[in-house]
Amino acid sequence: MKILVVDDHALIREALKQLLQQLCENLIVFEAANCADAFRLASQHPDLGLILLDLQLPDRSGFDALAECRNTRPGVPIVVLSASEDRQDVMRALDGGAMGFIPKTHDSKVMLNALRVVLTGGVYLPAEIMNSTTDNSRTTSIAAVHEGAGSISPAEIGLTERQADVLALLIQGKPNKLICRELDLAEGTVKIHVTAILRALGVANRTQAVIAVGRLGIKLDLAFKHKQ
């Protein structure tokens, strides 16, 4: 597996490099101190398995970098690792297509567990953010039923296989047109699926859907096969 760490502090990059070795064997970690280096490395290594991105970068906004990475490497999960614990930053990162947001104040065990969640197709958010931003009664009741039960499947909340495919792409931050292209569906059909997904999760928009997926522990197969 190849992981790209984008942070302008050399000590943080070195600490992360040592920590990440615990994720798996034969891990290769690339380091970038700015956006220019990050884009160059991402171009040279199209088989990246994960990008860890700081929001405070010297040559460009981390949110701009997130948007460009999302557009040029739509299949690579991106996790924001930031000193910020501001709710607006978390929500903006999710809106930009991040698969996780890890405050740098988290200890190494939490960080590793969070990265494992993302690498298995989940979404990670700080518990305090999830608890404070998802208060819809239906979502809360579903979470209560499955509390302590581990991950649940899309079918358990009433989603079809195709809707699960759409949700898998939706939480990557992909717009409807790109979902249409990847699943070979009409835009109207995708809109119908998105509406059904939001209703099943008991949420009003895509950002809340991402939070609900992380909170409920819904596991999605991101390597889905196109279905008829």
C-alpha atoms as a PDB file:
ATOM      1  CA  MET A   1       0.000   0.000   0.000  1.00  0.00           C
ATOM      2  CA  LYS A   2       1.117   3.531  -0.784  1.00  0.00           C
ATOM      3  CA  ILE A   3       0.132   6.469   1.438  1.00  0.00           C
ATOM      4  CA  LEU A   4       0.796  10.146   0.815  1.00  0.00           C
ATOM      5  CA  VAL A   5       1.220  12.394   3.868  1.00  0.00           C
ATOM      6  CA  VAL A   6       0.795  16.119   3.151  1.00  0.00           C
ATOM      7  CA  ASP A   7       1.939  18.346   6.022  1.00  0.00           C
ATOM      8  CA  ASP A   8       4.373  21.251   6.179  1.00  0.00           C
ATOM      9  CA  HIS A   9       5.928  20.166   9.505  1.00  0.00           C
ATOM     10  CA  ALA A  10       8.769  17.690   9.086  1.00  0.00           C
ATOM     11  CA  LEU A  11       8.440  16.351  12.641  1.00  0.00           C
ATOM     12  CA  ILE A  12       4.751  15.578  12.139  1.00  0.00           C
ATOM     13  CA  ARG A  13       5.453  13.838   8.846  1.00  0.00           C
ATOM     14  CA  GLU A  14       8.156  11.720  10.470  1.00  0.00           C
ATOM     15  CA  ALA A  15       5.906  10.825  13.408  1.00  0.00           C
ATOM     16  CA  LEU A  16       3.083   9.860  11.056  1.00  0.00           C
ATOM     17  CA  LYS A  17       5.439   7.814   8.925  1.00  0.00           C
ATOM     18  CA  GLN A  18       6.438   5.766  11.963  1.00  0.00           C
ATOM     19  CA  LEU A  19       2.834   5.409  13.102  1.00  0.00           C
ATOM     20  CA  LEU A  20       1.541   4.329   9.704  1.00  0.00           C
ATOM     21  CA  GLN A  21       3.945   1.391   9.576  1.00  0.00           C
ATOM     22  CA  GLN A  22       1.595  -0.297  12.042  1.00  0.00           C
ATOM     23  CA  LEU A  23      -1.237  -0.352   9.504  1.00  0.00           C
ATOM     24  CA  CYS A  24       0.116  -3.094   7.290  1.00  0.00           C
ATOM     25  CA  GLU A  25       3.242  -4.772   5.954  1.00  0.00           C
ATOM     26  CA  ASN A  26       5.079  -3.472   2.892  1.00  0.00           C
ATOM     27  CA  LEU A  27       3.755   0.036   3.417  1.00  0.00           C
ATOM     28  CA  ILE A  28       5.315   2.867   1.413  1.00  0.00           C
ATOM     29  CA  VAL A  29       4.832   6.396   2.751  1.00  0.00           C
ATOM     30  CA  PHE A  30       5.471   9.450   0.589  1.00  0.00           C
ATOM     31  CA  GLU A  31       5.892  12.870   2.166  1.00  0.00           C
ATOM     32  CA  ALA A  32       4.906  16.282   0.801  1.00  0.00           C
ATOM     33  CA  ALA A  33       5.485  19.605   2.562  1.00  0.00           C
ATOM     34  CA  ASN A  34       3.176  21.584   0.265  1.00  0.00           C
ATOM     35  CA  CYS A  35       0.477  21.230  -2.365  1.00  0.00           C
ATOM     36  CA  ALA A  36       2.863  21.397  -5.318  1.00  0.00           C
ATOM     37  CA  ASP A  37       4.850  18.411  -4.021  1.00  0.00           C
ATOM     38  CA  ALA A  38       1.629  16.579  -3.177  1.00  0.00           C
ATOM     39  CA  PHE A  39       0.195  16.948  -6.678  1.00  0.00           C
ATOM     40  CA  ARG A  40       3.512  15.893  -8.225  1.00  0.00           C
ATOM     41  CA  LEU A  41       3.700  12.750  -6.095  1.00  0.00           C
ATOM     42  CA  ALA A  42       0.035  11.927  -6.706  1.00  0.00           C
ATOM     43  CA  SER A  43       0.678  12.191 -10.447  1.00  0.00           C
ATOM     44  CA  GLN A  44       3.749   9.953 -10.220  1.00  0.00           C
ATOM     45  CA  HIS A  45       1.935   7.334  -8.138  1.00  0.00           C
ATOM     46  CA  PRO A  46      -1.610   6.775  -9.472  1.00  0.00           C
ATOM     47  CA  ASP A  47      -1.899   3.665  -7.286  1.00  0.00           C
ATOM     48  CA  LEU A  48      -2.003   5.596  -4.007  1.00  0.00           C
ATOM     49  CA  GLY A  49      -4.216   3.891  -1.441  1.00  0.00           C
ATOM     50  CA  LEU A  50      -4.728   6.837   0.923  1.00  0.00           C
ATOM     51  CA  ILE A  51      -3.944  10.543   1.252  1.00  0.00           C
ATOM     52  CA  LEU A  52      -3.529  12.233   4.645  1.00  0.00           C
ATOM     53  CA  LEU A  53      -3.998  15.971   4.202  1.00  0.00           C
ATOM     54  CA  ASP A  54      -3.341  18.868   6.556  1.00  0.00           C
ATOM     55  CA  LEU A  55      -5.512  21.960   6.086  1.00  0.00           C
ATOM     56  CA  GLN A  56      -2.781  24.506   6.843  1.00  0.00           C
ATOM     57  CA  LEU A  57      -0.363  24.418   3.916  1.00  0.00           C
ATOM     58  CA  PRO A  58       2.107  27.134   2.844  1.00  0.00           C
ATOM     59  CA  ASP A  59       1.306  27.420  -0.855  1.00  0.00           C
ATOM     60  CA  ARG A  60      -2.422  26.778  -1.025  1.00  0.00           C
ATOM     61  CA  SER A  61      -5.523  26.239   1.085  1.00  0.00           C
ATOM     62  CA  GLY A  62      -5.925  22.669   2.262  1.00  0.00           C
ATOM     63  CA  PHE A  63      -9.554  22.816   1.160  1.00  0.00           C
ATOM     64  CA  ASP A  64      -8.453  23.759  -2.363  1.00  0.00           C
ATOM     65  CA  ALA A  65      -5.993  20.868  -2.281  1.00  0.00           C
ATOM     66  CA  LEU A  66      -8.788  18.551  -1.147  1.00  0.00           C
ATOM     67  CA  ALA A  67     -10.976  19.652  -4.059  1.00  0.00           C
ATOM     68  CA  GLU A  68      -8.211  19.112  -6.612  1.00  0.00           C
ATOM     69  CA  CYS A  69      -7.253  15.725  -5.189  1.00  0.00           C
ATOM     70  CA  ARG A  70     -10.902  14.712  -5.205  1.00  0.00           C
ATOM     71  CA  ASN A  71     -11.230  15.709  -8.868  1.00  0.00           C
ATOM     72  CA  THR A  72      -7.977  14.169 -10.096  1.00  0.00           C
ATOM     73  CA  ARG A  73      -7.961  11.074  -7.862  1.00  0.00           C
ATOM     74  CA  PRO A  74     -11.654  10.325  -7.230  1.00  0.00           C
ATOM     75  CA  GLY A  75     -10.995   6.733  -6.200  1.00  0.00           C
ATOM     76  CA  VAL A  76      -8.420   7.510  -3.510  1.00  0.00           C
ATOM     77  CA  PRO A  77      -9.775   8.039   0.024  1.00  0.00           C
ATOM     78  CA  ILE A  78      -8.640  11.323   1.577  1.00  0.00           C
ATOM     79  CA  VAL A  79      -8.470  11.878   5.325  1.00  0.00           C
ATOM     80  CA  VAL A  80      -8.006  15.357   6.743  1.00  0.00           C
ATOM     81  CA  LEU A  81      -5.559  15.408   9.653  1.00  0.00           C
ATOM     82  CA  SER A  82      -5.756  18.847  11.192  1.00  0.00           C
ATOM     83  CA  ALA A  83      -5.005  20.898  14.281  1.00  0.00           C
ATOM     84  CA  SER A  84      -8.469  22.403  13.857  1.00  0.00           C
ATOM     85  CA  GLU A  85     -11.400  20.995  15.812  1.00  0.00           C
ATOM     86  CA  ASP A  86     -13.847  23.532  14.466  1.00  0.00           C
ATOM     87  CA  ARG A  87     -17.178  22.039  13.440  1.00  0.00           C
ATOM     88  CA  GLN A  88     -17.334  24.187  10.308  1.00  0.00           C
ATOM     89  CA  ASP A  89     -13.968  22.866   9.145  1.00  0.00           C
ATOM     90  CA  VAL A  90     -15.161  19.299   9.668  1.00  0.00           C
ATOM     91  CA  MET A  91     -18.357  19.888   7.718  1.00  0.00           C
ATOM     92  CA  ARG A  92     -16.523  21.706   4.931  1.00  0.00           C
ATOM     93  CA  ALA A  93     -14.066  18.826   4.617  1.00  0.00           C
ATOM     94  CA  LEU A  94     -16.937  16.346   4.337  1.00  0.00           C
ATOM     95  CA  ASP A  95     -18.649  18.523   1.761  1.00  0.00           C
ATOM     96  CA  GLY A  96     -15.370  18.500  -0.164  1.00  0.00           C
ATOM     97  CA  GLY A  97     -15.316  14.718  -0.295  1.00  0.00           C
ATOM     98  CA  ALA A  98     -13.055  13.757   2.615  1.00  0.00           C
ATOM     99  CA  MET A  99     -13.638  10.243   3.979  1.00  0.00           C
ATOM    100  CA  GLY A 100     -12.505  11.227   7.444  1.00  0.00           C
ATOM    101  CA  PHE A 101     -11.442  14.063   9.716  1.00  0.00           C
ATOM    102  CA  ILE A 102      -8.927  13.352  12.479  1.00  0.00           C
ATOM    103  CA  PRO A 103      -7.888  16.119  14.913  1.00  0.00           C
ATOM    104  CA  LYS A 104      -4.154  16.054  15.636  1.00  0.00           C
ATOM    105  CA  THR A 105      -4.998  15.994  19.340  1.00  0.00           C
ATOM    106  CA  HIS A 106      -6.176  12.383  18.981  1.00  0.00           C
ATOM    107  CA  ASP A 107      -3.789   9.763  20.290  1.00  0.00           C
ATOM    108  CA  SER A 108      -2.043   7.260  18.015  1.00  0.00           C
ATOM    109  CA  LYS A 109      -4.436   4.393  18.780  1.00  0.00           C
ATOM    110  CA  VAL A 110      -7.471   6.450  17.802  1.00  0.00           C
ATOM    111  CA  MET A 111      -5.735   7.631  14.626  1.00  0.00           C
ATOM    112  CA  LEU A 112      -4.891   4.084  13.565  1.00  0.00           C
ATOM    113  CA  ASN A 113      -8.408   2.850  14.243  1.00  0.00           C
ATOM    114  CA  ALA A 114      -9.815   5.789  12.295  1.00  0.00           C
ATOM    115  CA  LEU A 115      -7.605   5.025   9.306  1.00  0.00           C
ATOM    116  CA  ARG A 116      -8.597   1.356   9.402  1.00  0.00           C
ATOM    117  CA  VAL A 117     -12.255   2.418   9.278  1.00  0.00           C
ATOM    118  CA  VAL A 118     -11.592   4.501   6.158  1.00  0.00           C
ATOM    119  CA  LEU A 119      -9.469   1.827   4.469  1.00  0.00           C
ATOM    120  CA  THR A 120     -12.310  -0.685   4.871  1.00  0.00           C
ATOM    121  CA  GLY A 121     -14.774   1.673   3.188  1.00  0.00           C
ATOM    122  CA  GLY A 122     -16.132   3.539   6.196  1.00  0.00           C
ATOM    123  CA  VAL A 123     -16.190   7.198   7.160  1.00  0.00           C
ATOM    124  CA  TYR A 124     -14.515   8.482  10.303  1.00  0.00           C
ATOM    125  CA  LEU A 125     -15.561  11.552  12.257  1.00  0.00           C
ATOM    126  CA  PRO A 126     -14.642  12.619  15.791  1.00  0.00           C
ATOM    127  CA  ALA A 127     -17.250  11.247  18.203  1.00  0.00           C
ATOM    128  CA  GLU A 128     -18.002  14.687  19.589  1.00  0.00           C
ATOM    129  CA  ILE A 129     -18.829  15.939  16.078  1.00  0.00           C
ATOM    130  CA  MET A 130     -21.105  13.017  15.297  1.00  0.00           C
ATOM    131  CA  ASN A 131     -22.919  13.355  18.581  1.00  0.00           C
ATOM    132  CA  SER A 132     -23.505  17.067  18.126  1.00  0.00           C
ATOM    133  CA  THR A 133     -24.473  17.174  14.445  1.00  0.00           C
ATOM    134  CA  THR A 134     -26.724  14.175  13.947  1.00  0.00           C
ATOM    135  CA  ASP A 135     -29.820  14.495  16.051  1.00  0.00           C
ATOM    136  CA  ASN A 136     -32.483  13.277  13.651  1.00  0.00           C
ATOM    137  CA  SER A 137     -34.796  10.917  15.535  1.00  0.00           C
ATOM    138  CA  ARG A 138     -34.795   8.161  12.907  1.00  0.00           C
ATOM    139  CA  THR A 139     -31.001   8.097  12.643  1.00  0.00           C
ATOM    140  CA  THR A 140     -30.666   8.180  16.419  1.00  0.00           C
ATOM    141  CA  SER A 141     -33.095   5.291  16.828  1.00  0.00           C
ATOM    142  CA  ILE A 142     -31.255   3.184  14.231  1.00  0.00           C
ATOM    143  CA  ALA A 143     -27.964   3.864  15.999  1.00  0.00           C
ATOM    144  CA  ALA A 144     -29.474   2.850  19.328  1.00  0.00           C
ATOM    145  CA  VAL A 145     -30.673  -0.466  17.915  1.00  0.00           C
ATOM    146  CA  HIS A 146     -27.201  -1.271  16.600  1.00  0.00           C
ATOM    147  CA  GLU A 147     -25.196   0.170  19.475  1.00  0.00           C
ATOM    148  CA  GLY A 148     -22.373  -2.197  20.305  1.00  0.00           C
ATOM    149  CA  ALA A 149     -23.351  -4.511  17.455  1.00  0.00           C
ATOM    150  CA  GLY A 150     -20.516  -3.472  15.126  1.00  0.00           C
ATOM    151  CA  SER A 151     -21.049  -2.602  11.495  1.00  0.00           C
ATOM    152  CA  ILE A 152     -24.366  -2.954   9.723  1.00  0.00           C
ATOM    153  CA  SER A 153     -25.158  -3.556   6.083  1.00  0.00           C
ATOM    154  CA  PRO A 154     -27.035  -1.179   3.767  1.00  0.00           C
ATOM    155  CA  ALA A 155     -29.800  -3.779   3.487  1.00  0.00           C
ATOM    156  CA  GLU A 156     -30.450  -3.486   7.227  1.00  0.00           C
ATOM    157  CA  ILE A 157     -31.617   0.101   6.770  1.00  0.00           C
ATOM    158  CA  GLY A 158     -33.674  -0.769   3.708  1.00  0.00           C
ATOM    159  CA  LEU A 159     -31.300   0.049   0.844  1.00  0.00           C
ATOM    160  CA  THR A 160     -31.163  -2.004  -2.339  1.00  0.00           C
ATOM    161  CA  GLU A 161     -27.830  -3.130  -3.800  1.00  0.00           C
ATOM    162  CA  ARG A 162     -27.953  -0.365  -6.397  1.00  0.00           C
ATOM    163  CA  GLN A 163     -28.740   2.260  -3.750  1.00  0.00           C
ATOM    164  CA  ALA A 164     -25.762   0.966  -1.761  1.00  0.00           C
ATOM    165  CA  ASP A 165     -23.614   1.499  -4.867  1.00  0.00           C
ATOM    166  CA  VAL A 166     -24.863   5.074  -5.141  1.00  0.00           C
ATOM    167  CA  LEU A 167     -24.236   5.678  -1.435  1.00  0.00           C
ATOM    168  CA  ALA A 168     -20.684   4.308  -1.743  1.00  0.00           C
ATOM    169  CA  LEU A 169     -19.946   6.934  -4.390  1.00  0.00           C
ATOM    170  CA  LEU A 170     -21.919   9.663  -2.641  1.00  0.00           C
ATOM    171  CA  ILE A 171     -19.787   9.468   0.498  1.00  0.00           C
ATOM    172  CA  GLN A 172     -16.702   9.885  -1.674  1.00  0.00           C
ATOM    173  CA  GLY A 173     -18.039  13.334  -2.513  1.00  0.00           C
ATOM    174  CA  LYS A 174     -18.868  12.479  -6.116  1.00  0.00           C
ATOM    175  CA  PRO A 175     -21.607  14.566  -7.817  1.00  0.00           C
ATOM    176  CA  ASN A 176     -24.624  13.021  -9.487  1.00  0.00           C
ATOM    177  CA  LYS A 177     -23.175  13.316 -12.996  1.00  0.00           C
ATOM    178  CA  LEU A 178     -20.076  11.338 -12.044  1.00  0.00           C
ATOM    179  CA  ILE A 179     -22.198   8.732 -10.247  1.00  0.00           C
ATOM    180  CA  CYS A 180     -24.290   8.429 -13.423  1.00  0.00           C
ATOM    181  CA  ARG A 181     -21.181   7.827 -15.493  1.00  0.00           C
ATOM    182  CA  GLU A 182     -19.640   5.262 -13.134  1.00  0.00           C
ATOM    183  CA  LEU A 183     -22.861   3.285 -12.669  1.00  0.00           C
ATOM    184  CA  ASP A 184     -24.218   3.824 -16.191  1.00  0.00           C
ATOM    185  CA  LEU A 185     -27.453   5.305 -14.875  1.00  0.00           C
ATOM    186  CA  ALA A 186     -29.645   8.179 -16.006  1.00  0.00           C
ATOM    187  CA  GLU A 187     -29.370  11.321 -13.875  1.00  0.00           C
ATOM    188  CA  GLY A 188     -33.040  11.104 -12.959  1.00  0.00           C
ATOM    189  CA  THR A 189     -32.551   7.563 -11.693  1.00  0.00           C
ATOM    190  CA  VAL A 190     -29.608   8.638  -9.528  1.00  0.00           C
ATOM    191  CA  LYS A 191     -31.686  11.470  -8.055  1.00  0.00           C
ATOM    192  CA  ILE A 192     -34.400   8.958  -7.138  1.00  0.00           C
ATOM    193  CA  HIS A 193     -31.815   6.715  -5.470  1.00  0.00           C
ATOM    194  CA  VAL A 194     -30.296   9.641  -3.547  1.00  0.00           C
ATOM    195  CA  THR A 195     -33.737  10.648  -2.286  1.00  0.00           C
ATOM    196  CA  ALA A 196     -34.372   7.072  -1.124  1.00  0.00           C
ATOM    197  CA  ILE A 197     -30.968   6.953   0.591  1.00  0.00           C
ATOM    198  CA  LEU A 198     -31.565  10.188   2.495  1.00  0.00           C
ATOM    199  CA  ARG A 199     -34.987   8.942   3.559  1.00  0.00           C
ATOM    200  CA  ALA A 200     -33.571   5.603   4.750  1.00  0.00           C
ATOM    201  CA  LEU A 201     -30.869   7.357   6.771  1.00  0.00           C
ATOM    202  CA  GLY A 202     -33.338   9.888   8.113  1.00  0.00           C
ATOM    203  CA  VAL A 203     -31.269  12.872   6.966  1.00  0.00           C
ATOM    204  CA  ALA A 204     -31.823  15.941   4.821  1.00  0.00           C
ATOM    205  CA  ASN A 205     -28.628  16.271   2.769  1.00  0.00           C
ATOM    206  CA  ARG A 206     -25.404  14.597   1.645  1.00  0.00           C
ATOM    207  CA  THR A 207     -23.268  15.894   4.484  1.00  0.00           C
ATOM    208  CA  GLN A 208     -25.675  14.504   7.063  1.00  0.00           C
ATOM    209  CA  ALA A 209     -25.660  11.228   5.113  1.00  0.00           C
ATOM    210  CA  VAL A 210     -21.877  10.976   5.434  1.00  0.00           C
ATOM    211  CA  ILE A 211     -22.145  11.609   9.174  1.00  0.00           C
ATOM    212  CA  ALA A 212     -24.899   8.998   9.498  1.00  0.00           C
ATOM    213  CA  VAL A 213     -22.852   6.386   7.632  1.00  0.00           C
ATOM    214  CA  GLY A 214     -19.942   6.938  10.007  1.00  0.00           C
ATOM    215  CA  ARG A 215     -22.130   7.027  13.089  1.00  0.00           C
ATOM    216  CA  LEU A 216     -24.064   3.890  12.229  1.00  0.00           C
ATOM    217  CA  GLY A 217     -20.975   1.986  11.139  1.00  0.00           C
ATOM    218  CA  ILE A 218     -22.440   1.160   7.726  1.00  0.00           C
ATOM    219  CA  LYS A 219     -19.922  -0.789   5.666  1.00  0.00           C
ATOM    220  CA  LEU A 220     -19.995  -0.216   1.939  1.00  0.00           C
ATOM    221  CA  ASP A 221     -18.291  -2.187  -0.799  1.00  0.00           C
ATOM    222  CA  LEU A 222     -16.353   0.504  -2.655  1.00  0.00           C
ATOM    223  CA  ALA A 223     -15.160  -2.085  -5.146  1.00  0.00           C
ATOM    224  CA  PHE A 224     -18.708  -2.709  -6.308  1.00  0.00           C
ATOM    225  CA  LYS A 225     -19.540  -4.411  -9.559  1.00  0.00           C
ATOM    226  CA  HIS A 226     -21.831  -2.772 -12.068  1.00  0.00           C
ATOM    227  CA  LYS A 227     -25.214  -4.425 -11.898  1.00  0.00           C
ATOM    228  CA  GLN A 228     -27.971  -4.605 -14.466  1.00  0.00           C
END
